[in-house]
């Protein structure tokens, strides 16, 4: 976390998964959520709280989209 970006552990190496999040954004918190729709379709979302806004990923963190502007420190 902080301004180095977002990484995931792939085997025994860290891989950057912060495409779409500004490189200077301070990452404060991350959360995953599974949503089950009435059609029984499951969708998985990742949320990333930063000082540049709230970002969402629909593909396990491969890329991120700005969801809301602002300074977010936690997700509750």
C-alpha atoms as a PDB file:
ATOM      1  CA  UNK A   1       0.000   0.000   0.000  1.00  0.00           C
ATOM      2  CA  UNK A   2       0.909   3.713  -0.016  1.00  0.00           C
ATOM      3  CA  UNK A   3       2.189   5.298  -3.226  1.00  0.00           C
ATOM      4  CA  UNK A   4       4.005   2.284  -4.688  1.00  0.00           C
ATOM      5  CA  UNK A   5       0.813   0.934  -6.292  1.00  0.00           C
ATOM      6  CA  UNK A   6      -1.141  -2.273  -5.771  1.00  0.00           C
ATOM      7  CA  UNK A   7       0.463  -5.704  -6.038  1.00  0.00           C
ATOM      8  CA  UNK A   8      -0.648  -9.318  -5.750  1.00  0.00           C
ATOM      9  CA  UNK A   9       1.420 -12.373  -4.963  1.00  0.00           C
ATOM     10  CA  UNK A  10       1.758 -14.638  -8.021  1.00  0.00           C
ATOM     11  CA  UNK A  11       3.665 -17.736  -6.931  1.00  0.00           C
ATOM     12  CA  UNK A  12       6.628 -16.248  -5.116  1.00  0.00           C
ATOM     13  CA  UNK A  13       6.780 -12.924  -7.001  1.00  0.00           C
ATOM     14  CA  UNK A  14       4.788  -9.720  -6.603  1.00  0.00           C
ATOM     15  CA  UNK A  15       2.963  -8.521  -9.735  1.00  0.00           C
ATOM     16  CA  UNK A  16       1.637  -4.980 -10.176  1.00  0.00           C
ATOM     17  CA  UNK A  17      -2.161  -4.805 -10.542  1.00  0.00           C
ATOM     18  CA  UNK A  18      -2.688  -1.063 -10.360  1.00  0.00           C
ATOM     19  CA  UNK A  19      -3.504  -0.182 -13.988  1.00  0.00           C
ATOM     20  CA  UNK A  20      -5.944   2.722 -13.838  1.00  0.00           C
ATOM     21  CA  UNK A  21      -4.942   3.905 -10.345  1.00  0.00           C
ATOM     22  CA  UNK A  22      -2.661   6.969 -10.471  1.00  0.00           C
ATOM     23  CA  UNK A  23       0.912   6.106  -9.481  1.00  0.00           C
ATOM     24  CA  UNK A  24       0.910   8.873  -6.861  1.00  0.00           C
ATOM     25  CA  UNK A  25      -2.315   7.707  -5.143  1.00  0.00           C
ATOM     26  CA  UNK A  26      -1.982   6.656  -1.519  1.00  0.00           C
ATOM     27  CA  UNK A  27      -3.814   3.348  -1.113  1.00  0.00           C
ATOM     28  CA  UNK A  28      -5.526   3.168   2.282  1.00  0.00           C
ATOM     29  CA  UNK A  29      -7.797   0.122   2.137  1.00  0.00           C
ATOM     30  CA  UNK A  30      -8.973  -2.668  -0.162  1.00  0.00           C
ATOM     31  CA  UNK A  31     -12.063  -4.849   0.024  1.00  0.00           C
ATOM     32  CA  UNK A  32     -13.588  -7.613  -2.102  1.00  0.00           C
ATOM     33  CA  UNK A  33     -17.313  -8.218  -2.535  1.00  0.00           C
ATOM     34  CA  UNK A  34     -19.364 -10.934  -4.192  1.00  0.00           C
ATOM     35  CA  UNK A  35     -22.791  -9.921  -5.504  1.00  0.00           C
ATOM     36  CA  UNK A  36     -25.427 -12.531  -6.389  1.00  0.00           C
ATOM     37  CA  UNK A  37     -28.085 -11.166  -8.728  1.00  0.00           C
ATOM     38  CA  UNK A  38     -31.673 -12.403  -9.024  1.00  0.00           C
ATOM     39  CA  UNK A  39     -30.641 -14.281 -12.161  1.00  0.00           C
ATOM     40  CA  UNK A  40     -28.206 -16.310  -9.978  1.00  0.00           C
ATOM     41  CA  UNK A  41     -25.271 -14.632 -11.716  1.00  0.00           C
ATOM     42  CA  UNK A  42     -22.294 -14.112  -9.400  1.00  0.00           C
ATOM     43  CA  UNK A  43     -20.054 -11.074  -9.886  1.00  0.00           C
ATOM     44  CA  UNK A  44     -16.936 -10.272  -7.944  1.00  0.00           C
ATOM     45  CA  UNK A  45     -15.755  -6.718  -7.304  1.00  0.00           C
ATOM     46  CA  UNK A  46     -12.649  -5.269  -5.682  1.00  0.00           C
ATOM     47  CA  UNK A  47     -12.740  -1.785  -4.186  1.00  0.00           C
ATOM     48  CA  UNK A  48      -9.651   0.307  -3.504  1.00  0.00           C
ATOM     49  CA  UNK A  49      -9.825   3.391  -1.253  1.00  0.00           C
ATOM     50  CA  UNK A  50      -7.193   6.021  -2.081  1.00  0.00           C
ATOM     51  CA  UNK A  51      -6.616   9.698  -1.469  1.00  0.00           C
ATOM     52  CA  UNK A  52      -7.490  10.264  -5.165  1.00  0.00           C
ATOM     53  CA  UNK A  53     -10.865   8.480  -5.079  1.00  0.00           C
ATOM     54  CA  UNK A  54     -12.599   5.137  -4.762  1.00  0.00           C
ATOM     55  CA  UNK A  55     -11.662   2.687  -7.511  1.00  0.00           C
ATOM     56  CA  UNK A  56     -13.439  -0.507  -8.598  1.00  0.00           C
ATOM     57  CA  UNK A  57     -12.196  -3.556 -10.477  1.00  0.00           C
ATOM     58  CA  UNK A  58     -14.437  -6.161 -12.065  1.00  0.00           C
ATOM     59  CA  UNK A  59     -11.590  -8.425 -13.234  1.00  0.00           C
ATOM     60  CA  UNK A  60      -9.708  -9.309 -10.039  1.00  0.00           C
ATOM     61  CA  UNK A  61      -7.558  -6.177 -10.110  1.00  0.00           C
ATOM     62  CA  UNK A  62      -6.231  -6.391 -13.666  1.00  0.00           C
ATOM     63  CA  UNK A  63      -7.473  -2.851 -14.264  1.00  0.00           C
ATOM     64  CA  UNK A  64      -9.278  -0.258 -12.197  1.00  0.00           C
ATOM     65  CA  UNK A  65     -11.914   2.403 -12.904  1.00  0.00           C
ATOM     66  CA  UNK A  66     -12.583   5.521 -10.869  1.00  0.00           C
ATOM     67  CA  UNK A  67     -15.885   4.950  -9.059  1.00  0.00           C
ATOM     68  CA  UNK A  68     -16.077   8.134  -6.934  1.00  0.00           C
ATOM     69  CA  UNK A  69     -13.815  11.160  -6.545  1.00  0.00           C
ATOM     70  CA  UNK A  70     -12.612  12.145  -3.109  1.00  0.00           C
ATOM     71  CA  UNK A  71     -10.250  11.194  -0.332  1.00  0.00           C
ATOM     72  CA  UNK A  72     -11.114   7.760   1.049  1.00  0.00           C
ATOM     73  CA  UNK A  73      -9.309   6.194   3.980  1.00  0.00           C
ATOM     74  CA  UNK A  74     -11.548   3.190   4.653  1.00  0.00           C
ATOM     75  CA  UNK A  75     -14.583   1.343   3.311  1.00  0.00           C
ATOM     76  CA  UNK A  76     -17.485   0.908   5.724  1.00  0.00           C
END
